[in-house]
Each structure stands twice: as C-alpha cells, then as structure tokens.
C-alpha cells in the first residue's frame, strides 16, 4: 500500500524549532497537494498547513501563521514544515497527507481530511521545558 513517511519530530523546548519532512518512496508527489495535520491527546485532528501541487499557494491555521512555513522540494520528493517559536500547545502527533490534483486544482490546497488519498503514520512533536 502506498504511504507517506514523516520524520523530524522530537522533544524541543518552548521557543525552539523543528523541521518536519514528508516523503514518499513509491510514488512522485508532484501532482499532489500536501497537508500537515496534527492531533493532540484528547483532541480532534486539525489541519495545520497545506501547499498546492504547483507549490505556489499555501495555507496555515491561525494558531501557527507567522511561526510555521511550508515548502516542497520536487527533486527530493519531499515537503517540509518548518516550525519556529514552538509552544507547548503545538505538542501533538503530526501527520502529512496527500491529495491528487489536476488542472486548475493544482493551484490550491484544502485542509480537509476527508479528501486525502494517502497518509503517513505520524511523527511525535513534544514542546516542553
């Protein structure tokens, strides 16, 4: 079964930074919008950020805007989530997901977990002193 793989999670102090990576070994991500979701203990899953297949458009949830950035490297078949100024409330399991897009839809992304085609198993991010 085709799957994404996340990496880069870990334990970091408040105010610190982490960079998460999302890659696929068995298919190219070029035509997929990529979304980062997270789920904290006892809470529902929420969309954090997404980037269009074309790479020109991205979205962020309000709580991370200005602190997180998202980018993609087509040559490495990888999408990155750079997380700066981390807060304890950012503690969660972070998942990346991919949704196939074609035509004009390649210019957009949606943080909607119901439309994703592939998921990764998640990586733990813990922000604590």
Foldseek 3Di string as FASTA:
>chain_A
DWAKAKDWADEAAQQAKIKMKIATDPDAQLQWKKWKWWDAPPGDIFTAKIAFSPFPDMDGDPVQPPFWDWGDDRVRSMIMIIGGRDDQVVWTWMKMFIAGDDDPSSHDDDGDVVRTDHIHPTDTHGYHD
